[in-house]
Amino acid sequence: MKKQFYIYYMFWALLLIQIMLTIMTSLSQGVILPLAIFPGMSLFFLFCLRYLLGYNLKQSPSEPLFVLRRSGLGTSLNPQNPLGYKLSLLVVMGVLVLLFCLTLLAFLGK
């Protein structure tokens, strides 16, 4: 469990770097929209990552991979299934890395 939270703190450090890069980009180019969008989305996904890393229900392979959503229509990944848990973590961490790369490209592309 402790190793998982090191990953969480690493993504917080990436968020701080992302905020600094976004501010530097906004000041040099005069663009304010990325200042609100990229770090805000990263903060949302950081809270999703915190929820997933703190998830401690019993996992069993007999649980279905997809379950019906509690609210709304459709299905979602089931974190009680070990594969569903790993896929959820992979998606959330992938989005965080993608948002950081987009901010870095916006900074370098001036």
PDB file of N, CA and C in Angstrom:
ATOM      1  N   MET A   1       0.818  -1.187   0.000  1.00  0.00           N
ATOM      2  CA  MET A   1       0.000   0.000   0.000  1.00  0.00           C
ATOM      3  C   MET A   1       0.869   1.261   0.000  1.00  0.00           C
ATOM      4  N   LYS A   2       2.010   1.190   0.668  1.00  0.00           N
ATOM      5  CA  LYS A   2       2.867   2.360   0.760  1.00  0.00           C
ATOM      6  C   LYS A   2       3.474   2.696  -0.608  1.00  0.00           C
ATOM      7  N   LYS A   3       3.833   1.676  -1.390  1.00  0.00           N
ATOM      8  CA  LYS A   3       4.395   1.913  -2.718  1.00  0.00           C
ATOM      9  C   LYS A   3       3.380   2.598  -3.620  1.00  0.00           C
ATOM     10  N   GLN A   4       2.108   2.245  -3.451  1.00  0.00           N
ATOM     11  CA  GLN A   4       1.076   2.856  -4.273  1.00  0.00           C
ATOM     12  C   GLN A   4       0.977   4.347  -3.997  1.00  0.00           C
ATOM     13  N   PHE A   5       1.143   4.742  -2.750  1.00  0.00           N
ATOM     14  CA  PHE A   5       1.033   6.157  -2.448  1.00  0.00           C
ATOM     15  C   PHE A   5       2.273   6.929  -2.885  1.00  0.00           C
ATOM     16  N   TYR A   6       3.411   6.260  -3.098  1.00  0.00           N
ATOM     17  CA  TYR A   6       4.550   6.936  -3.711  1.00  0.00           C
ATOM     18  C   TYR A   6       4.202   7.337  -5.143  1.00  0.00           C
ATOM     19  N   ILE A   7       3.468   6.477  -5.837  1.00  0.00           N
ATOM     20  CA  ILE A   7       2.999   6.806  -7.183  1.00  0.00           C
ATOM     21  C   ILE A   7       2.083   8.022  -7.124  1.00  0.00           C
ATOM     22  N   TYR A   8       1.207   8.055  -6.137  1.00  0.00           N
ATOM     23  CA  TYR A   8       0.276   9.166  -5.963  1.00  0.00           C
ATOM     24  C   TYR A   8       1.039  10.473  -5.737  1.00  0.00           C
ATOM     25  N   TYR A   9       2.059  10.448  -4.899  1.00  0.00           N
ATOM     26  CA  TYR A   9       2.841  11.656  -4.631  1.00  0.00           C
ATOM     27  C   TYR A   9       3.656  12.074  -5.850  1.00  0.00           C
ATOM     28  N   MET A  10       4.088  11.106  -6.653  1.00  0.00           N
ATOM     29  CA  MET A  10       4.802  11.438  -7.875  1.00  0.00           C
ATOM     30  C   MET A  10       3.891  12.207  -8.827  1.00  0.00           C
ATOM     31  N   PHE A  11       2.626  11.807  -8.919  1.00  0.00           N
ATOM     32  CA  PHE A  11       1.698  12.517  -9.790  1.00  0.00           C
ATOM     33  C   PHE A  11       1.355  13.898  -9.236  1.00  0.00           C
ATOM     34  N   TRP A  12       1.396  14.081  -7.909  1.00  0.00           N
ATOM     35  CA  TRP A  12       1.228  15.424  -7.340  1.00  0.00           C
ATOM     36  C   TRP A  12       2.395  16.306  -7.749  1.00  0.00           C
ATOM     37  N   ALA A  13       3.607  15.749  -7.757  1.00  0.00           N
ATOM     38  CA  ALA A  13       4.774  16.523  -8.199  1.00  0.00           C
ATOM     39  C   ALA A  13       4.638  16.896  -9.674  1.00  0.00           C
ATOM     40  N   LEU A  14       4.145  15.964 -10.495  1.00  0.00           N
ATOM     41  CA  LEU A  14       3.910  16.280 -11.902  1.00  0.00           C
ATOM     42  C   LEU A  14       2.863  17.375 -12.053  1.00  0.00           C
ATOM     43  N   LEU A  15       1.846  17.383 -11.182  1.00  0.00           N
ATOM     44  CA  LEU A  15       0.826  18.430 -11.237  1.00  0.00           C
ATOM     45  C   LEU A  15       1.445  19.792 -10.929  1.00  0.00           C
ATOM     46  N   LEU A  16       2.319  19.855  -9.939  1.00  0.00           N
ATOM     47  CA  LEU A  16       2.959  21.131  -9.615  1.00  0.00           C
ATOM     48  C   LEU A  16       3.847  21.614 -10.762  1.00  0.00           C
ATOM     49  N   ILE A  17       4.582  20.701 -11.380  1.00  0.00           N
ATOM     50  CA  ILE A  17       5.391  21.072 -12.545  1.00  0.00           C
ATOM     51  C   ILE A  17       4.487  21.537 -13.683  1.00  0.00           C
ATOM     52  N   GLN A  18       3.364  20.854 -13.848  1.00  0.00           N
ATOM     53  CA  GLN A  18       2.418  21.211 -14.897  1.00  0.00           C
ATOM     54  C   GLN A  18       1.850  22.607 -14.659  1.00  0.00           C
ATOM     55  N   ILE A  19       1.546  22.937 -13.425  1.00  0.00           N
ATOM     56  CA  ILE A  19       1.022  24.271 -13.115  1.00  0.00           C
ATOM     57  C   ILE A  19       2.075  25.333 -13.417  1.00  0.00           C
ATOM     58  N   MET A  20       3.327  25.064 -13.043  1.00  0.00           N
ATOM     59  CA  MET A  20       4.394  26.033 -13.332  1.00  0.00           C
ATOM     60  C   MET A  20       4.582  26.215 -14.838  1.00  0.00           C
ATOM     61  N   LEU A  21       4.583  25.118 -15.598  1.00  0.00           N
ATOM     62  CA  LEU A  21       4.731  25.221 -17.051  1.00  0.00           C
ATOM     63  C   LEU A  21       3.556  25.960 -17.676  1.00  0.00           C
ATOM     64  N   THR A  22       2.356  25.718 -17.161  1.00  0.00           N
ATOM     65  CA  THR A  22       1.171  26.376 -17.700  1.00  0.00           C
ATOM     66  C   THR A  22       1.218  27.870 -17.434  1.00  0.00           C
ATOM     67  N   ILE A  23       1.652  28.254 -16.248  1.00  0.00           N
ATOM     68  CA  ILE A  23       1.765  29.681 -15.937  1.00  0.00           C
ATOM     69  C   ILE A  23       2.821  30.331 -16.825  1.00  0.00           C
ATOM     70  N   MET A  24       3.945  29.668 -17.012  1.00  0.00           N
ATOM     71  CA  MET A  24       4.990  30.224 -17.871  1.00  0.00           C
ATOM     72  C   MET A  24       4.511  30.339 -19.317  1.00  0.00           C
ATOM     73  N   THR A  25       3.763  29.343 -19.797  1.00  0.00           N
ATOM     74  CA  THR A  25       3.223  29.390 -21.157  1.00  0.00           C
ATOM     75  C   THR A  25       2.203  30.502 -21.288  1.00  0.00           C
ATOM     76  N   SER A  26       1.337  30.635 -20.294  1.00  0.00           N
ATOM     77  CA  SER A  26       0.294  31.653 -20.350  1.00  0.00           C
ATOM     78  C   SER A  26       0.884  33.050 -20.318  1.00  0.00           C
ATOM     79  N   LEU A  27       1.932  33.245 -19.538  1.00  0.00           N
ATOM     80  CA  LEU A  27       2.551  34.566 -19.464  1.00  0.00           C
ATOM     81  C   LEU A  27       3.280  34.922 -20.753  1.00  0.00           C
ATOM     82  N   SER A  28       3.892  33.943 -21.382  1.00  0.00           N
ATOM     83  CA  SER A  28       4.657  34.244 -22.594  1.00  0.00           C
ATOM     84  C   SER A  28       3.769  34.375 -23.826  1.00  0.00           C
ATOM     85  N   GLN A  29       2.672  33.617 -23.885  1.00  0.00           N
ATOM     86  CA  GLN A  29       1.821  33.638 -25.073  1.00  0.00           C
ATOM     87  C   GLN A  29       0.537  34.425 -24.869  1.00  0.00           C
ATOM     88  N   GLY A  30       0.203  34.756 -23.651  1.00  0.00           N
ATOM     89  CA  GLY A  30      -1.033  35.478 -23.385  1.00  0.00           C
ATOM     90  C   GLY A  30      -2.269  34.609 -23.469  1.00  0.00           C
ATOM     91  N   VAL A  31      -2.120  33.313 -23.374  1.00  0.00           N
ATOM     92  CA  VAL A  31      -3.247  32.384 -23.446  1.00  0.00           C
ATOM     93  C   VAL A  31      -3.635  31.995 -22.025  1.00  0.00           C
ATOM     94  N   ILE A  32      -4.899  32.210 -21.675  1.00  0.00           N
ATOM     95  CA  ILE A  32      -5.334  31.926 -20.309  1.00  0.00           C
ATOM     96  C   ILE A  32      -6.081  30.597 -20.224  1.00  0.00           C
ATOM     97  N   LEU A  33      -6.650  30.132 -21.325  1.00  0.00           N
ATOM     98  CA  LEU A  33      -7.463  28.916 -21.290  1.00  0.00           C
ATOM     99  C   LEU A  33      -6.711  27.688 -20.778  1.00  0.00           C
ATOM    100  N   PRO A  34      -5.477  27.402 -21.220  1.00  0.00           N
ATOM    101  CA  PRO A  34      -4.787  26.222 -20.670  1.00  0.00           C
ATOM    102  C   PRO A  34      -4.516  26.325 -19.182  1.00  0.00           C
ATOM    103  N   LEU A  35      -4.452  27.549 -18.660  1.00  0.00           N
ATOM    104  CA  LEU A  35      -4.215  27.729 -17.236  1.00  0.00           C
ATOM    105  C   LEU A  35      -5.338  27.106 -16.417  1.00  0.00           C
ATOM    106  N   ALA A  36      -6.554  27.144 -16.939  1.00  0.00           N
ATOM    107  CA  ALA A  36      -7.687  26.578 -16.212  1.00  0.00           C
ATOM    108  C   ALA A  36      -7.953  25.125 -16.587  1.00  0.00           C
ATOM    109  N   ILE A  37      -7.705  24.755 -17.826  1.00  0.00           N
ATOM    110  CA  ILE A  37      -8.120  23.443 -18.311  1.00  0.00           C
ATOM    111  C   ILE A  37      -7.183  22.319 -17.872  1.00  0.00           C
ATOM    112  N   PHE A  38      -5.922  22.367 -18.256  1.00  0.00           N
ATOM    113  CA  PHE A  38      -5.030  21.226 -18.024  1.00  0.00           C
ATOM    114  C   PHE A  38      -4.800  20.920 -16.543  1.00  0.00           C
ATOM    115  N   PRO A  39      -4.422  21.897 -15.707  1.00  0.00           N
ATOM    116  CA  PRO A  39      -4.251  21.560 -14.284  1.00  0.00           C
ATOM    117  C   PRO A  39      -5.561  21.169 -13.602  1.00  0.00           C
ATOM    118  N   GLY A  40      -6.668  21.758 -14.023  1.00  0.00           N
ATOM    119  CA  GLY A  40      -7.959  21.398 -13.429  1.00  0.00           C
ATOM    120  C   GLY A  40      -8.347  19.962 -13.731  1.00  0.00           C
ATOM    121  N   MET A  41      -8.136  19.549 -14.968  1.00  0.00           N
ATOM    122  CA  MET A  41      -8.431  18.163 -15.321  1.00  0.00           C
ATOM    123  C   MET A  41      -7.484  17.210 -14.604  1.00  0.00           C
ATOM    124  N   SER A  42      -6.228  17.607 -14.481  1.00  0.00           N
ATOM    125  CA  SER A  42      -5.269  16.758 -13.770  1.00  0.00           C
ATOM    126  C   SER A  42      -5.648  16.605 -12.310  1.00  0.00           C
ATOM    127  N   LEU A  43      -6.132  17.680 -11.697  1.00  0.00           N
ATOM    128  CA  LEU A  43      -6.550  17.607 -10.301  1.00  0.00           C
ATOM    129  C   LEU A  43      -7.716  16.637 -10.133  1.00  0.00           C
ATOM    130  N   PHE A  44      -8.672  16.667 -11.072  1.00  0.00           N
ATOM    131  CA  PHE A  44      -9.797  15.733 -11.019  1.00  0.00           C
ATOM    132  C   PHE A  44      -9.302  14.287 -11.099  1.00  0.00           C
ATOM    133  N   PHE A  45      -8.399  14.006 -12.033  1.00  0.00           N
ATOM    134  CA  PHE A  45      -7.907  12.636 -12.179  1.00  0.00           C
ATOM    135  C   PHE A  45      -7.002  12.227 -11.025  1.00  0.00           C
ATOM    136  N   LEU A  46      -6.355  13.189 -10.363  1.00  0.00           N
ATOM    137  CA  LEU A  46      -5.589  12.861  -9.159  1.00  0.00           C
ATOM    138  C   LEU A  46      -6.510  12.386  -8.045  1.00  0.00           C
ATOM    139  N   PHE A  47      -7.670  13.023  -7.924  1.00  0.00           N
ATOM    140  CA  PHE A  47      -8.624  12.565  -6.916  1.00  0.00           C
ATOM    141  C   PHE A  47      -9.182  11.186  -7.268  1.00  0.00           C
ATOM    142  N   CYS A  48      -9.368  10.916  -8.567  1.00  0.00           N
ATOM    143  CA  CYS A  48      -9.779   9.566  -8.985  1.00  0.00           C
ATOM    144  C   CYS A  48      -8.701   8.546  -8.637  1.00  0.00           C
ATOM    145  N   LEU A  49      -7.437   8.910  -8.847  1.00  0.00           N
ATOM    146  CA  LEU A  49      -6.328   8.011  -8.524  1.00  0.00           C
ATOM    147  C   LEU A  49      -6.269   7.755  -7.025  1.00  0.00           C
ATOM    148  N   ARG A  50      -6.501   8.786  -6.237  1.00  0.00           N
ATOM    149  CA  ARG A  50      -6.498   8.614  -4.778  1.00  0.00           C
ATOM    150  C   ARG A  50      -7.601   7.648  -4.347  1.00  0.00           C
ATOM    151  N   TYR A  51      -8.775   7.779  -4.967  1.00  0.00           N
ATOM    152  CA  TYR A  51      -9.882   6.873  -4.654  1.00  0.00           C
ATOM    153  C   TYR A  51      -9.515   5.432  -5.010  1.00  0.00           C
ATOM    154  N   LEU A  52      -8.929   5.236  -6.191  1.00  0.00           N
ATOM    155  CA  LEU A  52      -8.587   3.875  -6.618  1.00  0.00           C
ATOM    156  C   LEU A  52      -7.485   3.267  -5.759  1.00  0.00           C
ATOM    157  N   LEU A  53      -6.484   4.065  -5.380  1.00  0.00           N
ATOM    158  CA  LEU A  53      -5.399   3.522  -4.561  1.00  0.00           C
ATOM    159  C   LEU A  53      -5.862   3.208  -3.145  1.00  0.00           C
ATOM    160  N   GLY A  54      -6.861   3.916  -2.661  1.00  0.00           N
ATOM    161  CA  GLY A  54      -7.381   3.645  -1.329  1.00  0.00           C
ATOM    162  C   GLY A  54      -8.483   2.597  -1.320  1.00  0.00           C
ATOM    163  N   TYR A  55      -8.779   2.034  -2.476  1.00  0.00           N
ATOM    164  CA  TYR A  55      -9.855   1.056  -2.609  1.00  0.00           C
ATOM    165  C   TYR A  55      -9.415  -0.261  -1.986  1.00  0.00           C
ATOM    166  N   ASN A  56     -10.093  -0.708  -0.961  1.00  0.00           N
ATOM    167  CA  ASN A  56      -9.626  -1.908  -0.258  1.00  0.00           C
ATOM    168  C   ASN A  56     -10.702  -2.981  -0.115  1.00  0.00           C
ATOM    169  N   LEU A  57     -11.659  -3.014  -1.011  1.00  0.00           N
ATOM    170  CA  LEU A  57     -12.640  -4.094  -0.963  1.00  0.00           C
ATOM    171  C   LEU A  57     -12.003  -5.386  -1.456  1.00  0.00           C
ATOM    172  N   LYS A  58     -12.612  -6.481  -1.087  1.00  0.00           N
ATOM    173  CA  LYS A  58     -12.086  -7.784  -1.512  1.00  0.00           C
ATOM    174  C   LYS A  58     -12.233  -7.920  -3.021  1.00  0.00           C
ATOM    175  N   GLN A  59     -11.151  -8.306  -3.643  1.00  0.00           N
ATOM    176  CA  GLN A  59     -11.167  -8.515  -5.079  1.00  0.00           C
ATOM    177  C   GLN A  59     -11.149 -10.005  -5.360  1.00  0.00           C
ATOM    178  N   SER A  60     -11.951 -10.408  -6.327  1.00  0.00           N
ATOM    179  CA  SER A  60     -11.941 -11.814  -6.721  1.00  0.00           C
ATOM    180  C   SER A  60     -12.138 -11.899  -8.231  1.00  0.00           C
ATOM    181  N   PRO A  61     -11.474 -12.855  -8.863  1.00  0.00           N
ATOM    182  CA  PRO A  61     -11.618 -13.006 -10.312  1.00  0.00           C
ATOM    183  C   PRO A  61     -13.019 -13.433 -10.734  1.00  0.00           C
ATOM    184  N   SER A  62     -13.829 -13.910  -9.792  1.00  0.00           N
ATOM    185  CA  SER A  62     -15.178 -14.340 -10.154  1.00  0.00           C
ATOM    186  C   SER A  62     -16.124 -13.154 -10.354  1.00  0.00           C
ATOM    187  N   GLU A  63     -15.725 -11.973  -9.918  1.00  0.00           N
ATOM    188  CA  GLU A  63     -16.545 -10.780 -10.145  1.00  0.00           C
ATOM    189  C   GLU A  63     -16.520 -10.429 -11.631  1.00  0.00           C
ATOM    190  N   PRO A  64     -17.626  -9.897 -12.169  1.00  0.00           N
ATOM    191  CA  PRO A  64     -17.621  -9.519 -13.591  1.00  0.00           C
ATOM    192  C   PRO A  64     -16.703  -8.323 -13.842  1.00  0.00           C
ATOM    193  N   LEU A  65     -16.151  -8.270 -15.050  1.00  0.00           N
ATOM    194  CA  LEU A  65     -15.241  -7.177 -15.399  1.00  0.00           C
ATOM    195  C   LEU A  65     -16.000  -5.862 -15.568  1.00  0.00           C
ATOM    196  N   PHE A  66     -17.175  -5.919 -16.168  1.00  0.00           N
ATOM    197  CA  PHE A  66     -18.008  -4.735 -16.355  1.00  0.00           C
ATOM    198  C   PHE A  66     -19.291  -4.890 -15.559  1.00  0.00           C
ATOM    199  N   VAL A  67     -19.732  -3.812 -14.935  1.00  0.00           N
ATOM    200  CA  VAL A  67     -20.986  -3.815 -14.181  1.00  0.00           C
ATOM    201  C   VAL A  67     -21.823  -2.626 -14.634  1.00  0.00           C
ATOM    202  N   LEU A  68     -23.135  -2.723 -14.385  1.00  0.00           N
ATOM    203  CA  LEU A  68     -24.015  -1.604 -14.698  1.00  0.00           C
ATOM    204  C   LEU A  68     -23.709  -0.441 -13.764  1.00  0.00           C
ATOM    205  N   ARG A  69     -23.821   0.758 -14.276  1.00  0.00           N
ATOM    206  CA  ARG A  69     -23.543   1.944 -13.467  1.00  0.00           C
ATOM    207  C   ARG A  69     -24.667   2.160 -12.458  1.00  0.00           C
ATOM    208  N   ARG A  70     -24.310   2.719 -11.317  1.00  0.00           N
ATOM    209  CA  ARG A  70     -25.323   3.013 -10.300  1.00  0.00           C
ATOM    210  C   ARG A  70     -26.208   4.166 -10.727  1.00  0.00           C
ATOM    211  N   SER A  71     -25.627   5.141 -11.367  1.00  0.00           N
ATOM    212  CA  SER A  71     -26.412   6.281 -11.850  1.00  0.00           C
ATOM    213  C   SER A  71     -26.134   6.463 -13.333  1.00  0.00           C
ATOM    214  N   GLY A  72     -27.156   6.690 -14.084  1.00  0.00           N
ATOM    215  CA  GLY A  72     -26.985   6.866 -15.516  1.00  0.00           C
ATOM    216  C   GLY A  72     -27.077   5.552 -16.268  1.00  0.00           C
ATOM    217  N   LEU A  73     -26.830   5.640 -17.548  1.00  0.00           N
ATOM    218  CA  LEU A  73     -26.903   4.471 -18.412  1.00  0.00           C
ATOM    219  C   LEU A  73     -25.511   3.948 -18.718  1.00  0.00           C
ATOM    220  N   GLY A  74     -25.432   2.690 -19.048  1.00  0.00           N
ATOM    221  CA  GLY A  74     -24.171   2.117 -19.490  1.00  0.00           C
ATOM    222  C   GLY A  74     -23.513   1.236 -18.454  1.00  0.00           C
ATOM    223  N   THR A  75     -22.295   0.866 -18.765  1.00  0.00           N
ATOM    224  CA  THR A  75     -21.516  -0.002 -17.888  1.00  0.00           C
ATOM    225  C   THR A  75     -20.205   0.693 -17.535  1.00  0.00           C
ATOM    226  N   SER A  76     -19.554   0.179 -16.520  1.00  0.00           N
ATOM    227  CA  SER A  76     -18.243   0.709 -16.130  1.00  0.00           C
ATOM    228  C   SER A  76     -17.374  -0.446 -15.660  1.00  0.00           C
ATOM    229  N   LEU A  77     -16.076  -0.180 -15.559  1.00  0.00           N
ATOM    230  CA  LEU A  77     -15.152  -1.198 -15.064  1.00  0.00           C
ATOM    231  C   LEU A  77     -15.429  -1.462 -13.593  1.00  0.00           C
ATOM    232  N   ASN A  78     -15.323  -2.716 -13.209  1.00  0.00           N
ATOM    233  CA  ASN A  78     -15.569  -3.115 -11.831  1.00  0.00           C
ATOM    234  C   ASN A  78     -14.235  -3.223 -11.095  1.00  0.00           C
ATOM    235  N   PRO A  79     -13.957  -2.345 -10.107  1.00  0.00           N
ATOM    236  CA  PRO A  79     -12.682  -2.443  -9.393  1.00  0.00           C
ATOM    237  C   PRO A  79     -12.601  -3.639  -8.445  1.00  0.00           C
ATOM    238  N   GLN A  80     -13.705  -4.361  -8.259  1.00  0.00           N
ATOM    239  CA  GLN A  80     -13.649  -5.568  -7.433  1.00  0.00           C
ATOM    240  C   GLN A  80     -13.056  -6.741  -8.205  1.00  0.00           C
ATOM    241  N   ASN A  81     -12.988  -6.624  -9.514  1.00  0.00           N
ATOM    242  CA  ASN A  81     -12.294  -7.598 -10.349  1.00  0.00           C
ATOM    243  C   ASN A  81     -10.839  -7.141 -10.457  1.00  0.00           C
ATOM    244  N   PRO A  82      -9.857  -8.028 -10.242  1.00  0.00           N
ATOM    245  CA  PRO A  82      -8.449  -7.590 -10.287  1.00  0.00           C
ATOM    246  C   PRO A  82      -8.043  -6.958 -11.622  1.00  0.00           C
ATOM    247  N   LEU A  83      -8.525  -7.509 -12.731  1.00  0.00           N
ATOM    248  CA  LEU A  83      -8.204  -6.931 -14.033  1.00  0.00           C
ATOM    249  C   LEU A  83      -8.873  -5.571 -14.203  1.00  0.00           C
ATOM    250  N   GLY A  84     -10.105  -5.443 -13.734  1.00  0.00           N
ATOM    251  CA  GLY A  84     -10.805  -4.161 -13.799  1.00  0.00           C
ATOM    252  C   GLY A  84     -10.110  -3.090 -12.980  1.00  0.00           C
ATOM    253  N   TYR A  85      -9.574  -3.486 -11.830  1.00  0.00           N
ATOM    254  CA  TYR A  85      -8.829  -2.548 -10.976  1.00  0.00           C
ATOM    255  C   TYR A  85      -7.564  -2.067 -11.679  1.00  0.00           C
ATOM    256  N   LYS A  86      -6.832  -3.001 -12.282  1.00  0.00           N
ATOM    257  CA  LYS A  86      -5.594  -2.634 -12.971  1.00  0.00           C
ATOM    258  C   LYS A  86      -5.879  -1.776 -14.203  1.00  0.00           C
ATOM    259  N   LEU A  87      -6.948  -2.100 -14.932  1.00  0.00           N
ATOM    260  CA  LEU A  87      -7.307  -1.287 -16.092  1.00  0.00           C
ATOM    261  C   LEU A  87      -7.726   0.118 -15.674  1.00  0.00           C
ATOM    262  N   SER A  88      -8.458   0.223 -14.567  1.00  0.00           N
ATOM    263  CA  SER A  88      -8.863   1.541 -14.069  1.00  0.00           C
ATOM    264  C   SER A  88      -7.644   2.375 -13.705  1.00  0.00           C
ATOM    265  N   LEU A  89      -6.691   1.766 -13.007  1.00  0.00           N
ATOM    266  CA  LEU A  89      -5.456   2.478 -12.662  1.00  0.00           C
ATOM    267  C   LEU A  89      -4.692   2.894 -13.915  1.00  0.00           C
ATOM    268  N   LEU A  90      -4.625   2.002 -14.889  1.00  0.00           N
ATOM    269  CA  LEU A  90      -3.903   2.292 -16.122  1.00  0.00           C
ATOM    270  C   LEU A  90      -4.537   3.462 -16.874  1.00  0.00           C
ATOM    271  N   VAL A  91      -5.860   3.487 -16.937  1.00  0.00           N
ATOM    272  CA  VAL A  91      -6.551   4.572 -17.639  1.00  0.00           C
ATOM    273  C   VAL A  91      -6.315   5.905 -16.933  1.00  0.00           C
ATOM    274  N   VAL A  92      -6.469   5.927 -15.609  1.00  0.00           N
ATOM    275  CA  VAL A  92      -6.313   7.179 -14.863  1.00  0.00           C
ATOM    276  C   VAL A  92      -4.875   7.685 -14.952  1.00  0.00           C
ATOM    277  N   MET A  93      -3.896   6.792 -14.777  1.00  0.00           N
ATOM    278  CA  MET A  93      -2.501   7.232 -14.858  1.00  0.00           C
ATOM    279  C   MET A  93      -2.125   7.622 -16.288  1.00  0.00           C
ATOM    280  N   GLY A  94      -2.697   6.942 -17.269  1.00  0.00           N
ATOM    281  CA  GLY A  94      -2.442   7.314 -18.660  1.00  0.00           C
ATOM    282  C   GLY A  94      -2.966   8.698 -18.999  1.00  0.00           C
ATOM    283  N   VAL A  95      -4.147   9.031 -18.490  1.00  0.00           N
ATOM    284  CA  VAL A  95      -4.706  10.366 -18.723  1.00  0.00           C
ATOM    285  C   VAL A  95      -3.848  11.427 -18.044  1.00  0.00           C
ATOM    286  N   LEU A  96      -3.370  11.144 -16.833  1.00  0.00           N
ATOM    287  CA  LEU A  96      -2.513  12.104 -16.135  1.00  0.00           C
ATOM    288  C   LEU A  96      -1.212  12.353 -16.895  1.00  0.00           C
ATOM    289  N   VAL A  97      -0.603  11.303 -17.400  1.00  0.00           N
ATOM    290  CA  VAL A  97       0.633  11.460 -18.173  1.00  0.00           C
ATOM    291  C   VAL A  97       0.349  12.206 -19.474  1.00  0.00           C
ATOM    292  N   LEU A  98      -0.772  11.913 -20.128  1.00  0.00           N
ATOM    293  CA  LEU A  98      -1.135  12.597 -21.362  1.00  0.00           C
ATOM    294  C   LEU A  98      -1.345  14.090 -21.128  1.00  0.00           C
ATOM    295  N   LEU A  99      -2.030  14.448 -20.052  1.00  0.00           N
ATOM    296  CA  LEU A  99      -2.241  15.864 -19.755  1.00  0.00           C
ATOM    297  C   LEU A  99      -0.921  16.571 -19.471  1.00  0.00           C
ATOM    298  N   PHE A 100      -0.011  15.890 -18.777  1.00  0.00           N
ATOM    299  CA  PHE A 100       1.306  16.490 -18.525  1.00  0.00           C
ATOM    300  C   PHE A 100       2.063  16.689 -19.834  1.00  0.00           C
ATOM    301  N   CYS A 101       2.001  15.703 -20.723  1.00  0.00           N
ATOM    302  CA  CYS A 101       2.697  15.818 -22.010  1.00  0.00           C
ATOM    303  C   CYS A 101       2.100  16.935 -22.864  1.00  0.00           C
ATOM    304  N   LEU A 102       0.775  17.102 -22.832  1.00  0.00           N
ATOM    305  CA  LEU A 102       0.150  18.192 -23.582  1.00  0.00           C
ATOM    306  C   LEU A 102       0.607  19.546 -23.060  1.00  0.00           C
ATOM    307  N   THR A 103       0.707  19.672 -21.748  1.00  0.00           N
ATOM    308  CA  THR A 103       1.190  20.924 -21.173  1.00  0.00           C
ATOM    309  C   THR A 103       2.641  21.164 -21.558  1.00  0.00           C
ATOM    310  N   LEU A 104       3.444  20.124 -21.528  1.00  0.00           N
ATOM    311  CA  LEU A 104       4.854  20.251 -21.902  1.00  0.00           C
ATOM    312  C   LEU A 104       4.997  20.630 -23.374  1.00  0.00           C
ATOM    313  N   LEU A 105       4.178  20.035 -24.244  1.00  0.00           N
ATOM    314  CA  LEU A 105       4.224  20.383 -25.665  1.00  0.00           C
ATOM    315  C   LEU A 105       3.762  21.815 -25.906  1.00  0.00           C
ATOM    316  N   ALA A 106       2.764  22.270 -25.145  1.00  0.00           N
ATOM    317  CA  ALA A 106       2.323  23.663 -25.278  1.00  0.00           C
ATOM    318  C   ALA A 106       3.426  24.618 -24.849  1.00  0.00           C
ATOM    319  N   PHE A 107       4.196  24.218 -23.845  1.00  0.00           N
ATOM    320  CA  PHE A 107       5.293  25.071 -23.380  1.00  0.00           C
ATOM    321  C   PHE A 107       6.444  25.091 -24.385  1.00  0.00           C
ATOM    322  N   LEU A 108       6.765  23.931 -24.940  1.00  0.00           N
ATOM    323  CA  LEU A 108       7.891  23.848 -25.871  1.00  0.00           C
ATOM    324  C   LEU A 108       7.545  24.338 -27.274  1.00  0.00           C
ATOM    325  N   GLY A 109       6.258  24.391 -27.593  1.00  0.00           N
ATOM    326  CA  GLY A 109       5.848  24.749 -28.948  1.00  0.00           C
ATOM    327  C   GLY A 109       5.688  26.231 -29.197  1.00  0.00           C
ATOM    328  N   LYS A 110       6.211  27.070 -28.318  1.00  0.00           N
ATOM    329  CA  LYS A 110       6.041  28.514 -28.544  1.00  0.00           C
ATOM    330  C   LYS A 110       7.006  29.054 -29.503  1.00  0.00           C
TER     331      LYS A 110
END
